[in-house]
Amino acid sequence: MGNSAIKTHLETSQKTGVFQLTGKGLQEFPEELQRLTSNLRTVDLSGNKIEVLPAAIGNFLQMKSLTLNANRLTSLPAEIGKLKKLETLSLNQNQLQTVPGALCQLKALRTLSLSGNLISELPSGLGALRHLDLLDLSHNKIHSIPPEVQELQAIEVNLNQNQISSVAPSIAQCPRLKVLRLEENCLELAAVPLQVLGQSQVSLLSLEGNLFEVKDMRDLEGYDKYMERFTATKKKFT
């Protein structure tokens, strides 16, 4: 990718606040973007070969959306926590094994998408993200959902295609959780927390592709209450 092409994009970005350069084989985060720290609101560098997100990312104080899907990131700098206006962070299909605690400082975050990485544990501290609507951790290597999950504020949590065999019953206490996706994991029927069925706000619980037949859930305590919520939500959208 020639510097002249980046320069052309920079001129446009100066006017629009948007910098998009996808699938161009970039091997590093363009240093030239530092000139636009005061007005860049959206950056999309998906489909490149970026291995490192520089600490200087913390200078983009106006940024609302950062998308780096399908790159080669193995870690994130703590400085990402400085992006106080960030609403969308999308890092699908990278090679992240963990995420820094600094993510918990992104108080405006509404969408956190980390699908297709190498994450083996539910990141801790995400309960600090009070405005989080969607947490996508599908296609990772998570084995269990710990009790601290009750702190999550997300409306939808996608954990499809992990290796989850146990779910803490406290997930039923998530104050805003409406959609819980756990398809294609390693759950036995006995591992489905009855509290999610009978005592939560979850109106869509997706469990296809686990170690039991979904129809067997009908016999579980609280299933009728869950179906009432499911049906009521369905009616809203029909």
C-alpha atoms as a PDB file:
ATOM      1  CA  MET A   1       0.000   0.000   0.000  1.00  0.00           C
ATOM      2  CA  GLY A   2       1.691   3.185  -1.159  1.00  0.00           C
ATOM      3  CA  ASN A   3       1.974   6.274   1.005  1.00  0.00           C
ATOM      4  CA  SER A   4       0.191   8.273  -1.675  1.00  0.00           C
ATOM      5  CA  ALA A   5      -2.905   6.097  -1.294  1.00  0.00           C
ATOM      6  CA  ILE A   6      -2.857   6.582   2.468  1.00  0.00           C
ATOM      7  CA  LYS A   7      -2.389  10.309   1.919  1.00  0.00           C
ATOM      8  CA  THR A   8      -5.498  10.430  -0.287  1.00  0.00           C
ATOM      9  CA  HIS A   9      -7.491   8.605   2.380  1.00  0.00           C
ATOM     10  CA  LEU A  10      -6.168  10.998   5.032  1.00  0.00           C
ATOM     11  CA  GLU A  11      -7.414  14.030   3.121  1.00  0.00           C
ATOM     12  CA  THR A  12     -10.885  12.517   2.922  1.00  0.00           C
ATOM     13  CA  SER A  13     -10.795  11.499   6.576  1.00  0.00           C
ATOM     14  CA  GLN A  14      -9.922  15.025   7.627  1.00  0.00           C
ATOM     15  CA  LYS A  15     -13.292  16.129   6.266  1.00  0.00           C
ATOM     16  CA  THR A  16     -15.422  13.113   7.216  1.00  0.00           C
ATOM     17  CA  GLY A  17     -13.867  11.855  10.463  1.00  0.00           C
ATOM     18  CA  VAL A  18     -13.881   8.358   8.943  1.00  0.00           C
ATOM     19  CA  PHE A  19     -10.789   6.355   7.916  1.00  0.00           C
ATOM     20  CA  GLN A  20     -11.475   3.053   6.164  1.00  0.00           C
ATOM     21  CA  LEU A  21      -8.752   0.990   4.535  1.00  0.00           C
ATOM     22  CA  THR A  22      -9.676  -2.693   4.411  1.00  0.00           C
ATOM     23  CA  GLY A  23      -8.036  -5.704   2.771  1.00  0.00           C
ATOM     24  CA  LYS A  24      -4.918  -3.846   1.618  1.00  0.00           C
ATOM     25  CA  GLY A  25      -2.215  -5.985   3.258  1.00  0.00           C
ATOM     26  CA  LEU A  26      -1.218  -3.280   5.753  1.00  0.00           C
ATOM     27  CA  GLN A  27       1.316  -4.705   8.201  1.00  0.00           C
ATOM     28  CA  GLU A  28       1.076  -1.929  10.752  1.00  0.00           C
ATOM     29  CA  PHE A  29      -1.346   0.655  12.060  1.00  0.00           C
ATOM     30  CA  PRO A  30      -0.755   3.693   9.788  1.00  0.00           C
ATOM     31  CA  GLU A  31       1.459   6.151  11.658  1.00  0.00           C
ATOM     32  CA  GLU A  32       0.053   8.938   9.499  1.00  0.00           C
ATOM     33  CA  LEU A  33      -3.259   8.694  11.350  1.00  0.00           C
ATOM     34  CA  GLN A  34      -1.636  10.484  14.281  1.00  0.00           C
ATOM     35  CA  ARG A  35      -2.242  13.728  12.410  1.00  0.00           C
ATOM     36  CA  LEU A  36      -5.981  13.183  12.804  1.00  0.00           C
ATOM     37  CA  THR A  37      -6.224  12.355  16.504  1.00  0.00           C
ATOM     38  CA  SER A  38      -8.484  15.330  17.169  1.00  0.00           C
ATOM     39  CA  ASN A  39     -11.188  14.538  14.608  1.00  0.00           C
ATOM     40  CA  LEU A  40     -11.190  10.813  13.740  1.00  0.00           C
ATOM     41  CA  ARG A  41     -14.413   9.197  14.941  1.00  0.00           C
ATOM     42  CA  THR A  42     -14.417   5.938  12.935  1.00  0.00           C
ATOM     43  CA  VAL A  43     -11.503   3.691  11.935  1.00  0.00           C
ATOM     44  CA  ASP A  44     -11.888   0.414  10.011  1.00  0.00           C
ATOM     45  CA  LEU A  45      -8.714  -1.483   9.134  1.00  0.00           C
ATOM     46  CA  SER A  46     -10.240  -4.939   8.735  1.00  0.00           C
ATOM     47  CA  GLY A  47      -8.705  -7.636   6.557  1.00  0.00           C
ATOM     48  CA  ASN A  48      -5.095  -6.508   6.866  1.00  0.00           C
ATOM     49  CA  LYS A  49      -1.999  -8.061   8.484  1.00  0.00           C
ATOM     50  CA  ILE A  50      -1.596  -5.777  11.474  1.00  0.00           C
ATOM     51  CA  GLU A  51       0.159  -7.536  14.369  1.00  0.00           C
ATOM     52  CA  VAL A  52       0.478  -4.658  16.866  1.00  0.00           C
ATOM     53  CA  LEU A  53      -1.883  -1.914  17.925  1.00  0.00           C
ATOM     54  CA  PRO A  54       0.432   0.919  19.015  1.00  0.00           C
ATOM     55  CA  ALA A  55       0.176   2.634  22.403  1.00  0.00           C
ATOM     56  CA  ALA A  56      -0.538   5.818  20.439  1.00  0.00           C
ATOM     57  CA  ILE A  57      -4.081   4.508  19.878  1.00  0.00           C
ATOM     58  CA  GLY A  58      -4.808   6.183  23.215  1.00  0.00           C
ATOM     59  CA  ASN A  59      -4.462   9.595  21.542  1.00  0.00           C
ATOM     60  CA  PHE A  60      -7.654   9.251  19.486  1.00  0.00           C
ATOM     61  CA  LEU A  61      -9.901  10.797  22.086  1.00  0.00           C
ATOM     62  CA  GLN A  62     -12.816  11.449  19.700  1.00  0.00           C
ATOM     63  CA  MET A  63     -12.998   7.894  18.381  1.00  0.00           C
ATOM     64  CA  LYS A  64     -16.398   6.205  18.592  1.00  0.00           C
ATOM     65  CA  SER A  65     -15.833   3.094  16.481  1.00  0.00           C
ATOM     66  CA  LEU A  66     -12.678   0.991  16.048  1.00  0.00           C
ATOM     67  CA  THR A  67     -12.809  -2.083  13.795  1.00  0.00           C
ATOM     68  CA  LEU A  68      -9.795  -4.339  13.239  1.00  0.00           C
ATOM     69  CA  ASN A  69     -11.434  -7.603  12.225  1.00  0.00           C
ATOM     70  CA  ALA A  70      -9.330 -10.267  10.470  1.00  0.00           C
ATOM     71  CA  ASN A  71      -5.876  -9.016  11.388  1.00  0.00           C
ATOM     72  CA  ARG A  72      -3.084 -10.685  13.378  1.00  0.00           C
ATOM     73  CA  LEU A  73      -3.307  -8.983  16.759  1.00  0.00           C
ATOM     74  CA  THR A  74      -2.048 -11.055  19.694  1.00  0.00           C
ATOM     75  CA  SER A  75      -2.486  -8.379  22.385  1.00  0.00           C
ATOM     76  CA  LEU A  76      -3.913  -4.928  23.045  1.00  0.00           C
ATOM     77  CA  PRO A  77      -2.128  -1.974  24.660  1.00  0.00           C
ATOM     78  CA  ALA A  78      -3.393  -0.690  28.006  1.00  0.00           C
ATOM     79  CA  GLU A  79      -3.688   2.752  26.364  1.00  0.00           C
ATOM     80  CA  ILE A  80      -6.860   1.591  24.608  1.00  0.00           C
ATOM     81  CA  GLY A  81      -8.572   2.399  27.915  1.00  0.00           C
ATOM     82  CA  LYS A  82      -8.175   6.123  27.166  1.00  0.00           C
ATOM     83  CA  LEU A  83     -10.818   6.041  24.417  1.00  0.00           C
ATOM     84  CA  LYS A  84     -13.610   7.333  26.653  1.00  0.00           C
ATOM     85  CA  LYS A  85     -15.997   7.993  23.743  1.00  0.00           C
ATOM     86  CA  LEU A  86     -15.581   4.579  22.099  1.00  0.00           C
ATOM     87  CA  GLU A  87     -18.952   2.888  21.521  1.00  0.00           C
ATOM     88  CA  THR A  88     -17.965   0.009  19.220  1.00  0.00           C
ATOM     89  CA  LEU A  89     -14.839  -2.147  19.450  1.00  0.00           C
ATOM     90  CA  SER A  90     -14.707  -4.984  16.936  1.00  0.00           C
ATOM     91  CA  LEU A  91     -11.683  -7.308  16.975  1.00  0.00           C
ATOM     92  CA  ASN A  92     -13.083 -10.488  15.451  1.00  0.00           C
ATOM     93  CA  GLN A  93     -10.751 -13.055  13.863  1.00  0.00           C
ATOM     94  CA  ASN A  94      -7.481 -12.100  15.473  1.00  0.00           C
ATOM     95  CA  GLN A  95      -5.174 -14.109  17.741  1.00  0.00           C
ATOM     96  CA  LEU A  96      -5.989 -12.564  21.110  1.00  0.00           C
ATOM     97  CA  GLN A  97      -5.626 -14.891  24.106  1.00  0.00           C
ATOM     98  CA  THR A  98      -6.522 -12.273  26.714  1.00  0.00           C
ATOM     99  CA  VAL A  99      -7.769  -8.699  26.801  1.00  0.00           C
ATOM    100  CA  PRO A 100      -6.344  -5.988  29.088  1.00  0.00           C
ATOM    101  CA  GLY A 101      -8.183  -4.808  32.181  1.00  0.00           C
ATOM    102  CA  ALA A 102      -8.060  -1.348  30.584  1.00  0.00           C
ATOM    103  CA  LEU A 103     -11.075  -2.330  28.452  1.00  0.00           C
ATOM    104  CA  CYS A 104     -13.151  -1.816  31.598  1.00  0.00           C
ATOM    105  CA  GLN A 105     -12.397   1.910  31.353  1.00  0.00           C
ATOM    106  CA  LEU A 106     -14.330   2.224  28.073  1.00  0.00           C
ATOM    107  CA  LYS A 107     -17.417   3.569  29.822  1.00  0.00           C
ATOM    108  CA  ALA A 108     -19.286   4.474  26.611  1.00  0.00           C
ATOM    109  CA  LEU A 109     -18.849   1.038  25.006  1.00  0.00           C
ATOM    110  CA  ARG A 110     -22.028  -0.508  23.603  1.00  0.00           C
ATOM    111  CA  THR A 111     -20.631  -3.288  21.402  1.00  0.00           C
ATOM    112  CA  LEU A 112     -17.621  -5.447  22.233  1.00  0.00           C
ATOM    113  CA  SER A 113     -16.992  -8.060  19.572  1.00  0.00           C
ATOM    114  CA  LEU A 114     -14.156 -10.569  20.085  1.00  0.00           C
ATOM    115  CA  SER A 115     -15.394 -13.502  18.028  1.00  0.00           C
ATOM    116  CA  GLY A 116     -12.875 -15.911  16.492  1.00  0.00           C
ATOM    117  CA  ASN A 117      -9.940 -15.384  18.846  1.00  0.00           C
ATOM    118  CA  LEU A 118      -8.083 -17.678  21.277  1.00  0.00           C
ATOM    119  CA  ILE A 119      -9.636 -16.422  24.521  1.00  0.00           C
ATOM    120  CA  SER A 120      -9.933 -19.188  27.129  1.00  0.00           C
ATOM    121  CA  GLU A 121     -11.628 -17.316  29.984  1.00  0.00           C
ATOM    122  CA  LEU A 122     -14.473 -14.849  30.220  1.00  0.00           C
ATOM    123  CA  PRO A 123     -12.645 -11.501  30.583  1.00  0.00           C
ATOM    124  CA  SER A 124     -13.029 -10.168  34.126  1.00  0.00           C
ATOM    125  CA  GLY A 125     -14.226  -6.691  35.060  1.00  0.00           C
ATOM    126  CA  LEU A 126     -16.569  -6.213  32.089  1.00  0.00           C
ATOM    127  CA  GLY A 127     -19.356  -5.417  34.549  1.00  0.00           C
ATOM    128  CA  ALA A 128     -17.908  -1.896  34.675  1.00  0.00           C
ATOM    129  CA  LEU A 129     -19.249  -1.330  31.146  1.00  0.00           C
ATOM    130  CA  ARG A 130     -22.691  -0.078  32.174  1.00  0.00           C
ATOM    131  CA  HIS A 131     -23.911   0.673  28.635  1.00  0.00           C
ATOM    132  CA  LEU A 132     -22.810  -2.576  26.987  1.00  0.00           C
ATOM    133  CA  ASP A 133     -25.550  -3.940  24.715  1.00  0.00           C
ATOM    134  CA  LEU A 134     -23.709  -6.746  22.931  1.00  0.00           C
ATOM    135  CA  LEU A 135     -20.812  -8.922  24.094  1.00  0.00           C
ATOM    136  CA  ASP A 136     -19.724 -11.368  21.369  1.00  0.00           C
ATOM    137  CA  LEU A 137     -17.209 -14.006  22.451  1.00  0.00           C
ATOM    138  CA  SER A 138     -18.310 -16.711  20.015  1.00  0.00           C
ATOM    139  CA  HIS A 139     -15.724 -18.994  18.356  1.00  0.00           C
ATOM    140  CA  ASN A 140     -13.207 -18.871  21.214  1.00  0.00           C
ATOM    141  CA  LYS A 141     -11.864 -21.450  23.688  1.00  0.00           C
ATOM    142  CA  ILE A 142     -13.816 -20.596  26.834  1.00  0.00           C
ATOM    143  CA  HIS A 143     -14.451 -23.627  29.095  1.00  0.00           C
ATOM    144  CA  SER A 144     -16.697 -22.219  31.818  1.00  0.00           C
ATOM    145  CA  ILE A 145     -18.747 -19.194  32.838  1.00  0.00           C
ATOM    146  CA  PRO A 146     -17.673 -18.044  36.335  1.00  0.00           C
ATOM    147  CA  PRO A 147     -19.910 -16.615  39.107  1.00  0.00           C
ATOM    148  CA  GLU A 148     -18.679 -13.057  38.432  1.00  0.00           C
ATOM    149  CA  VAL A 149     -20.721 -13.154  35.219  1.00  0.00           C
ATOM    150  CA  GLN A 150     -23.623 -11.687  37.233  1.00  0.00           C
ATOM    151  CA  GLU A 151     -21.935  -8.274  37.028  1.00  0.00           C
ATOM    152  CA  LEU A 152     -22.339  -8.117  33.231  1.00  0.00           C
ATOM    153  CA  GLN A 153     -24.655  -5.360  32.007  1.00  0.00           C
ATOM    154  CA  ALA A 154     -25.001  -6.685  28.442  1.00  0.00           C
ATOM    155  CA  ILE A 155     -28.406  -7.233  26.825  1.00  0.00           C
ATOM    156  CA  GLU A 156     -27.040  -9.957  24.528  1.00  0.00           C
ATOM    157  CA  VAL A 157     -24.166 -12.350  25.218  1.00  0.00           C
ATOM    158  CA  ASN A 158     -22.993 -14.613  22.392  1.00  0.00           C
ATOM    159  CA  LEU A 159     -20.885 -17.582  23.510  1.00  0.00           C
ATOM    160  CA  ASN A 160     -21.645 -19.896  20.587  1.00  0.00           C
ATOM    161  CA  GLN A 161     -18.940 -22.354  19.541  1.00  0.00           C
ATOM    162  CA  ASN A 162     -16.735 -22.392  22.619  1.00  0.00           C
ATOM    163  CA  GLN A 163     -15.927 -25.362  24.858  1.00  0.00           C
ATOM    164  CA  ILE A 164     -18.227 -24.440  27.741  1.00  0.00           C
ATOM    165  CA  SER A 165     -19.241 -27.299  30.035  1.00  0.00           C
ATOM    166  CA  SER A 166     -20.373 -25.305  33.101  1.00  0.00           C
ATOM    167  CA  VAL A 167     -22.411 -22.128  33.596  1.00  0.00           C
ATOM    168  CA  ALA A 168     -22.603 -20.355  36.967  1.00  0.00           C
ATOM    169  CA  PRO A 169     -26.259 -20.049  38.094  1.00  0.00           C
ATOM    170  CA  SER A 170     -25.520 -16.400  38.945  1.00  0.00           C
ATOM    171  CA  ILE A 171     -25.804 -15.605  35.225  1.00  0.00           C
ATOM    172  CA  ALA A 172     -29.541 -15.373  35.952  1.00  0.00           C
ATOM    173  CA  GLN A 173     -28.815 -12.233  38.000  1.00  0.00           C
ATOM    174  CA  CYS A 174     -27.468 -10.224  35.050  1.00  0.00           C
ATOM    175  CA  PRO A 175     -29.726  -7.156  35.263  1.00  0.00           C
ATOM    176  CA  ARG A 176     -30.213  -6.507  31.531  1.00  0.00           C
ATOM    177  CA  LEU A 177     -29.569  -9.904  29.928  1.00  0.00           C
ATOM    178  CA  LYS A 178     -32.292 -10.823  27.405  1.00  0.00           C
ATOM    179  CA  VAL A 179     -30.434 -12.982  24.849  1.00  0.00           C
ATOM    180  CA  LEU A 180     -27.994 -15.747  25.794  1.00  0.00           C
ATOM    181  CA  ARG A 181     -26.425 -17.778  23.002  1.00  0.00           C
ATOM    182  CA  LEU A 182     -24.647 -20.999  23.976  1.00  0.00           C
ATOM    183  CA  GLU A 183     -24.911 -23.057  20.788  1.00  0.00           C
ATOM    184  CA  GLU A 184     -22.325 -25.738  19.971  1.00  0.00           C
ATOM    185  CA  ASN A 185     -20.647 -26.023  23.353  1.00  0.00           C
ATOM    186  CA  CYS A 186     -20.079 -28.998  25.674  1.00  0.00           C
ATOM    187  CA  LEU A 187     -23.081 -28.600  27.968  1.00  0.00           C
ATOM    188  CA  GLU A 188     -24.972 -31.520  29.496  1.00  0.00           C
ATOM    189  CA  LEU A 189     -28.653 -30.936  30.268  1.00  0.00           C
ATOM    190  CA  ALA A 190     -27.814 -30.906  33.999  1.00  0.00           C
ATOM    191  CA  ALA A 191     -25.434 -27.981  33.405  1.00  0.00           C
ATOM    192  CA  VAL A 192     -28.235 -25.658  32.245  1.00  0.00           C
ATOM    193  CA  PRO A 193     -28.918 -23.395  35.271  1.00  0.00           C
ATOM    194  CA  LEU A 194     -32.592 -23.656  36.204  1.00  0.00           C
ATOM    195  CA  GLN A 195     -32.371 -20.064  37.479  1.00  0.00           C
ATOM    196  CA  VAL A 196     -31.976 -18.831  33.889  1.00  0.00           C
ATOM    197  CA  LEU A 197     -35.285 -20.465  33.019  1.00  0.00           C
ATOM    198  CA  GLY A 198     -37.292 -19.528  36.093  1.00  0.00           C
ATOM    199  CA  GLN A 199     -35.718 -16.441  37.612  1.00  0.00           C
ATOM    200  CA  SER A 200     -34.026 -14.359  34.904  1.00  0.00           C
ATOM    201  CA  GLN A 201     -35.068 -11.857  32.235  1.00  0.00           C
ATOM    202  CA  VAL A 202     -33.646 -14.040  29.445  1.00  0.00           C
ATOM    203  CA  SER A 203     -36.254 -14.355  26.696  1.00  0.00           C
ATOM    204  CA  LEU A 204     -34.040 -16.113  24.139  1.00  0.00           C
ATOM    205  CA  LEU A 205     -31.832 -18.979  25.315  1.00  0.00           C
ATOM    206  CA  SER A 206     -30.119 -20.667  22.396  1.00  0.00           C
ATOM    207  CA  LEU A 207     -28.665 -24.107  23.203  1.00  0.00           C
ATOM    208  CA  GLU A 208     -28.666 -26.107  19.964  1.00  0.00           C
ATOM    209  CA  GLY A 209     -25.651 -28.335  19.304  1.00  0.00           C
ATOM    210  CA  ASN A 210     -24.796 -29.280  22.898  1.00  0.00           C
ATOM    211  CA  LEU A 211     -24.717 -32.737  24.513  1.00  0.00           C
ATOM    212  CA  PHE A 212     -28.506 -33.073  24.828  1.00  0.00           C
ATOM    213  CA  GLU A 213     -31.660 -32.677  22.796  1.00  0.00           C
ATOM    214  CA  VAL A 214     -33.155 -29.189  23.158  1.00  0.00           C
ATOM    215  CA  LYS A 215     -36.641 -30.728  23.447  1.00  0.00           C
ATOM    216  CA  ASP A 216     -35.534 -32.352  26.728  1.00  0.00           C
ATOM    217  CA  MET A 217     -35.479 -28.900  28.299  1.00  0.00           C
ATOM    218  CA  ARG A 218     -39.278 -28.954  28.435  1.00  0.00           C
ATOM    219  CA  ASP A 219     -39.121 -31.093  31.566  1.00  0.00           C
ATOM    220  CA  LEU A 220     -36.866 -28.684  33.458  1.00  0.00           C
ATOM    221  CA  GLU A 221     -38.206 -26.620  36.333  1.00  0.00           C
ATOM    222  CA  GLY A 222     -38.884 -23.064  35.213  1.00  0.00           C
ATOM    223  CA  TYR A 223     -39.191 -23.929  31.504  1.00  0.00           C
ATOM    224  CA  ASP A 224     -42.818 -22.712  31.390  1.00  0.00           C
ATOM    225  CA  LYS A 225     -41.803 -19.322  32.785  1.00  0.00           C
ATOM    226  CA  TYR A 226     -39.039 -19.069  30.187  1.00  0.00           C
ATOM    227  CA  MET A 227     -41.521 -19.895  27.391  1.00  0.00           C
ATOM    228  CA  GLU A 228     -43.856 -17.153  28.628  1.00  0.00           C
ATOM    229  CA  ARG A 229     -41.062 -14.596  28.236  1.00  0.00           C
ATOM    230  CA  PHE A 230     -40.020 -16.071  24.896  1.00  0.00           C
ATOM    231  CA  THR A 231     -43.570 -15.909  23.512  1.00  0.00           C
ATOM    232  CA  ALA A 232     -44.192 -12.388  24.827  1.00  0.00           C
ATOM    233  CA  THR A 233     -41.018 -11.132  23.152  1.00  0.00           C
ATOM    234  CA  LYS A 234     -41.865 -12.879  19.904  1.00  0.00           C
ATOM    235  CA  LYS A 235     -45.284 -11.192  19.823  1.00  0.00           C
ATOM    236  CA  LYS A 236     -43.651  -7.791  20.133  1.00  0.00           C
ATOM    237  CA  PHE A 237     -41.814  -8.301  16.858  1.00  0.00           C
ATOM    238  CA  THR A 238     -44.615  -9.854  14.820  1.00  0.00           C
END
